[in-house]
N, C-alpha and C. Protein backbone atom coordinates (compact mmCIF):
# COMPACT_ATOMS: atom_id res chain seq x y z
N MET A 1 -76.14 42.70 31.51
CA MET A 1 -76.81 43.85 32.07
C MET A 1 -78.00 43.37 32.91
N PRO A 2 -78.15 43.85 34.15
CA PRO A 2 -79.24 43.38 34.99
C PRO A 2 -80.60 43.89 34.49
N GLU A 3 -81.62 43.14 34.84
CA GLU A 3 -82.98 43.50 34.47
C GLU A 3 -83.36 44.81 35.17
N LEU A 4 -83.91 45.77 34.44
CA LEU A 4 -84.27 47.06 35.00
C LEU A 4 -85.60 47.03 35.74
N ALA A 5 -86.52 46.18 35.32
CA ALA A 5 -87.82 46.06 35.95
C ALA A 5 -88.21 44.60 35.98
N PHE A 6 -89.07 44.25 36.93
CA PHE A 6 -89.59 42.89 36.98
C PHE A 6 -91.01 42.94 37.51
N THR A 7 -91.75 41.87 37.27
CA THR A 7 -93.16 41.83 37.64
C THR A 7 -93.40 40.73 38.66
N THR A 8 -94.18 41.09 39.70
CA THR A 8 -94.66 40.12 40.68
C THR A 8 -96.14 39.93 40.39
N PRO A 9 -96.83 39.06 41.10
CA PRO A 9 -98.27 38.93 40.85
C PRO A 9 -99.07 40.22 41.09
N GLU A 10 -98.56 41.11 41.95
CA GLU A 10 -99.29 42.33 42.29
C GLU A 10 -98.74 43.61 41.65
N TYR A 11 -97.45 43.64 41.31
CA TYR A 11 -96.80 44.89 40.90
C TYR A 11 -95.82 44.69 39.75
N LYS A 12 -95.60 45.76 39.00
CA LYS A 12 -94.43 45.88 38.14
C LYS A 12 -93.50 46.80 38.92
N LEU A 13 -92.27 46.34 39.18
CA LEU A 13 -91.36 47.04 40.08
C LEU A 13 -90.09 47.50 39.37
N PHE A 14 -89.63 48.67 39.77
CA PHE A 14 -88.40 49.26 39.27
C PHE A 14 -87.53 49.56 40.50
N PRO A 15 -86.46 48.80 40.74
CA PRO A 15 -85.65 48.99 41.94
C PRO A 15 -84.98 50.36 42.00
N SER A 16 -84.91 50.89 43.20
CA SER A 16 -84.17 52.12 43.43
C SER A 16 -82.68 51.83 43.31
N PRO A 17 -81.93 52.67 42.64
CA PRO A 17 -80.48 52.43 42.54
C PRO A 17 -79.77 52.59 43.89
N ARG A 18 -80.45 53.17 44.88
CA ARG A 18 -79.84 53.35 46.20
C ARG A 18 -80.08 52.18 47.14
N ASN A 19 -80.81 51.17 46.69
CA ASN A 19 -81.07 50.00 47.54
C ASN A 19 -79.78 49.29 47.92
N ARG A 20 -79.63 49.00 49.19
CA ARG A 20 -78.52 48.16 49.65
C ARG A 20 -78.85 46.69 49.43
N HIS A 21 -80.13 46.38 49.58
CA HIS A 21 -80.61 45.00 49.42
C HIS A 21 -81.56 44.99 48.24
N ARG A 22 -81.21 44.24 47.24
CA ARG A 22 -82.00 44.22 46.00
C ARG A 22 -82.91 43.00 45.98
N GLU A 23 -83.85 42.99 46.94
CA GLU A 23 -84.82 41.90 46.99
C GLU A 23 -86.14 42.42 47.52
N VAL A 24 -87.21 41.67 47.24
CA VAL A 24 -88.53 42.01 47.74
C VAL A 24 -88.73 41.21 49.02
N PHE A 25 -88.90 41.93 50.13
CA PHE A 25 -89.08 41.27 51.42
C PHE A 25 -90.56 40.99 51.67
N LEU A 26 -90.84 40.19 52.67
CA LEU A 26 -92.19 39.70 52.96
C LEU A 26 -93.18 40.81 53.31
N HIS A 27 -92.77 41.80 54.07
CA HIS A 27 -93.67 42.84 54.56
C HIS A 27 -93.59 44.05 53.63
N GLU A 28 -94.74 44.43 53.07
CA GLU A 28 -94.78 45.47 52.04
C GLU A 28 -95.70 46.61 52.45
N VAL A 29 -95.31 47.83 52.06
CA VAL A 29 -96.16 49.00 52.22
C VAL A 29 -96.17 49.72 50.88
N PHE A 30 -97.37 49.87 50.31
CA PHE A 30 -97.51 50.61 49.05
C PHE A 30 -97.79 52.06 49.40
N VAL A 31 -96.99 52.96 48.85
CA VAL A 31 -97.15 54.40 49.05
C VAL A 31 -97.70 54.97 47.74
N PRO A 32 -98.94 55.47 47.73
CA PRO A 32 -99.55 55.92 46.48
C PRO A 32 -99.09 57.32 46.04
N HIS A 33 -97.87 57.66 46.35
CA HIS A 33 -97.29 58.96 45.98
C HIS A 33 -96.00 58.69 45.20
N PRO A 34 -96.08 58.63 43.86
CA PRO A 34 -94.92 58.23 43.08
C PRO A 34 -93.73 59.19 43.17
N TYR A 35 -93.96 60.44 43.54
CA TYR A 35 -92.87 61.41 43.56
C TYR A 35 -92.45 61.82 44.97
N ALA A 36 -93.02 61.20 45.99
CA ALA A 36 -92.63 61.52 47.37
C ALA A 36 -91.20 61.06 47.62
N LEU A 37 -90.45 61.86 48.34
CA LEU A 37 -89.09 61.46 48.73
C LEU A 37 -89.19 60.57 49.96
N ILE A 38 -88.61 59.38 49.86
CA ILE A 38 -88.63 58.44 50.97
C ILE A 38 -87.18 58.19 51.38
N ASP A 39 -86.82 58.71 52.54
CA ASP A 39 -85.46 58.54 53.07
C ASP A 39 -85.49 57.44 54.13
N LEU A 40 -85.35 56.21 53.69
CA LEU A 40 -85.47 55.07 54.60
C LEU A 40 -84.42 55.06 55.72
N PRO A 41 -83.16 55.44 55.49
CA PRO A 41 -82.20 55.43 56.60
C PRO A 41 -82.62 56.34 57.77
N SER A 42 -83.39 57.37 57.50
CA SER A 42 -83.80 58.28 58.58
C SER A 42 -84.81 57.64 59.54
N PHE A 43 -85.38 56.50 59.18
CA PHE A 43 -86.32 55.80 60.06
C PHE A 43 -85.60 54.91 61.08
N HIS A 44 -84.29 54.72 60.91
CA HIS A 44 -83.48 53.90 61.82
C HIS A 44 -84.12 52.53 62.04
N LEU A 45 -84.35 51.83 60.94
CA LEU A 45 -85.01 50.53 60.97
C LEU A 45 -84.04 49.46 61.46
N LYS A 46 -84.59 48.40 62.03
CA LYS A 46 -83.77 47.32 62.60
C LYS A 46 -83.33 46.29 61.56
N GLY A 47 -84.19 46.01 60.59
CA GLY A 47 -83.90 44.97 59.61
C GLY A 47 -83.58 45.53 58.24
N LYS A 48 -83.52 44.64 57.27
CA LYS A 48 -83.25 45.02 55.89
C LYS A 48 -84.52 45.58 55.26
N TYR A 49 -84.34 46.39 54.23
CA TYR A 49 -85.47 47.00 53.54
C TYR A 49 -85.05 47.32 52.11
N SER A 50 -86.04 47.54 51.25
CA SER A 50 -85.77 47.94 49.88
C SER A 50 -86.93 48.80 49.37
N LEU A 51 -86.61 49.64 48.38
CA LEU A 51 -87.56 50.60 47.83
C LEU A 51 -87.66 50.40 46.32
N PHE A 52 -88.89 50.48 45.82
CA PHE A 52 -89.14 50.30 44.39
C PHE A 52 -90.15 51.33 43.91
N ALA A 53 -89.96 51.85 42.71
CA ALA A 53 -91.05 52.52 42.02
C ALA A 53 -91.98 51.40 41.60
N ALA A 54 -93.29 51.62 41.75
CA ALA A 54 -94.21 50.50 41.55
C ALA A 54 -95.43 50.91 40.74
N HIS A 55 -95.88 49.97 39.93
CA HIS A 55 -97.14 50.09 39.20
C HIS A 55 -98.00 48.95 39.71
N ARG A 56 -99.09 49.28 40.42
CA ARG A 56 -99.98 48.25 40.97
C ARG A 56 -100.86 47.72 39.86
N LEU A 57 -100.77 46.44 39.58
CA LEU A 57 -101.46 45.84 38.45
C LEU A 57 -102.97 45.80 38.62
N ALA A 58 -103.46 45.64 39.84
CA ALA A 58 -104.89 45.48 40.08
C ALA A 58 -105.70 46.70 39.64
N ASP A 59 -105.15 47.91 39.89
CA ASP A 59 -105.91 49.12 39.56
C ASP A 59 -105.13 50.13 38.72
N GLY A 60 -103.91 49.78 38.32
CA GLY A 60 -103.12 50.67 37.48
C GLY A 60 -102.55 51.87 38.21
N LYS A 61 -102.57 51.86 39.53
CA LYS A 61 -102.08 52.99 40.33
C LYS A 61 -100.56 52.95 40.39
N ASN A 62 -99.92 54.12 40.19
CA ASN A 62 -98.47 54.23 40.32
C ASN A 62 -98.14 54.76 41.71
N GLY A 63 -97.00 54.33 42.21
CA GLY A 63 -96.55 54.76 43.53
C GLY A 63 -95.19 54.18 43.82
N GLN A 64 -94.96 53.89 45.09
CA GLN A 64 -93.70 53.29 45.52
C GLN A 64 -94.02 52.13 46.46
N LEU A 65 -93.23 51.11 46.36
CA LEU A 65 -93.39 49.96 47.25
C LEU A 65 -92.15 49.86 48.11
N VAL A 66 -92.36 49.86 49.42
CA VAL A 66 -91.27 49.68 50.37
C VAL A 66 -91.46 48.30 50.97
N THR A 67 -90.42 47.50 50.95
CA THR A 67 -90.52 46.16 51.53
C THR A 67 -89.55 46.04 52.69
N PHE A 68 -89.96 45.27 53.69
CA PHE A 68 -89.21 45.15 54.93
C PHE A 68 -89.02 43.70 55.31
N GLU A 69 -87.86 43.42 55.88
CA GLU A 69 -87.57 42.09 56.42
C GLU A 69 -88.40 41.85 57.68
N LEU A 70 -88.57 42.89 58.50
CA LEU A 70 -89.26 42.76 59.78
C LEU A 70 -90.62 43.46 59.76
N GLU A 71 -91.62 42.80 60.30
CA GLU A 71 -92.96 43.38 60.36
C GLU A 71 -92.98 44.65 61.20
N ALA A 72 -92.20 44.69 62.27
CA ALA A 72 -92.15 45.87 63.13
C ALA A 72 -91.66 47.09 62.36
N ASP A 73 -90.72 46.91 61.45
CA ASP A 73 -90.23 48.02 60.63
C ASP A 73 -91.33 48.52 59.69
N ALA A 74 -92.11 47.61 59.12
CA ALA A 74 -93.21 48.00 58.24
C ALA A 74 -94.25 48.80 59.01
N LEU A 75 -94.56 48.37 60.22
CA LEU A 75 -95.53 49.09 61.04
C LEU A 75 -95.01 50.47 61.43
N ARG A 76 -93.73 50.55 61.77
CA ARG A 76 -93.14 51.84 62.13
C ARG A 76 -93.17 52.80 60.94
N PHE A 77 -92.76 52.30 59.78
CA PHE A 77 -92.78 53.14 58.58
C PHE A 77 -94.20 53.63 58.29
N SER A 78 -95.17 52.73 58.35
CA SER A 78 -96.56 53.10 58.06
C SER A 78 -97.06 54.19 59.00
N SER A 79 -96.66 54.12 60.25
CA SER A 79 -97.16 55.10 61.22
C SER A 79 -96.40 56.43 61.16
N GLU A 80 -95.14 56.42 60.73
CA GLU A 80 -94.32 57.63 60.76
C GLU A 80 -94.18 58.35 59.43
N PHE A 81 -94.39 57.66 58.32
CA PHE A 81 -94.18 58.29 57.02
C PHE A 81 -95.26 59.31 56.72
N LYS A 82 -94.84 60.49 56.37
CA LYS A 82 -95.74 61.56 55.94
C LYS A 82 -95.26 62.04 54.57
N PRO A 83 -96.10 61.90 53.52
CA PRO A 83 -95.66 62.34 52.19
C PRO A 83 -95.45 63.84 52.14
N ASP A 84 -94.57 64.26 51.24
CA ASP A 84 -94.25 65.69 51.09
C ASP A 84 -95.48 66.50 50.75
């Protein structure tokens, strides 16, 4: 049975079951809205991406972590994402 959660130096992460790519990419955006719906395919991103429910270890804040293969995709997401 695969591990349900794992810890990085900054976060405890719970992968979304809808992820096509089950890895943490270099470019990260923390969304401090744990219940916001994030529809990543609607952003028409160029590279790979993954979504995780996240617990930020530094301050105990819960949210979501979106990771991107390409920095341009992370910048686009940051500028276009509006929480519900």
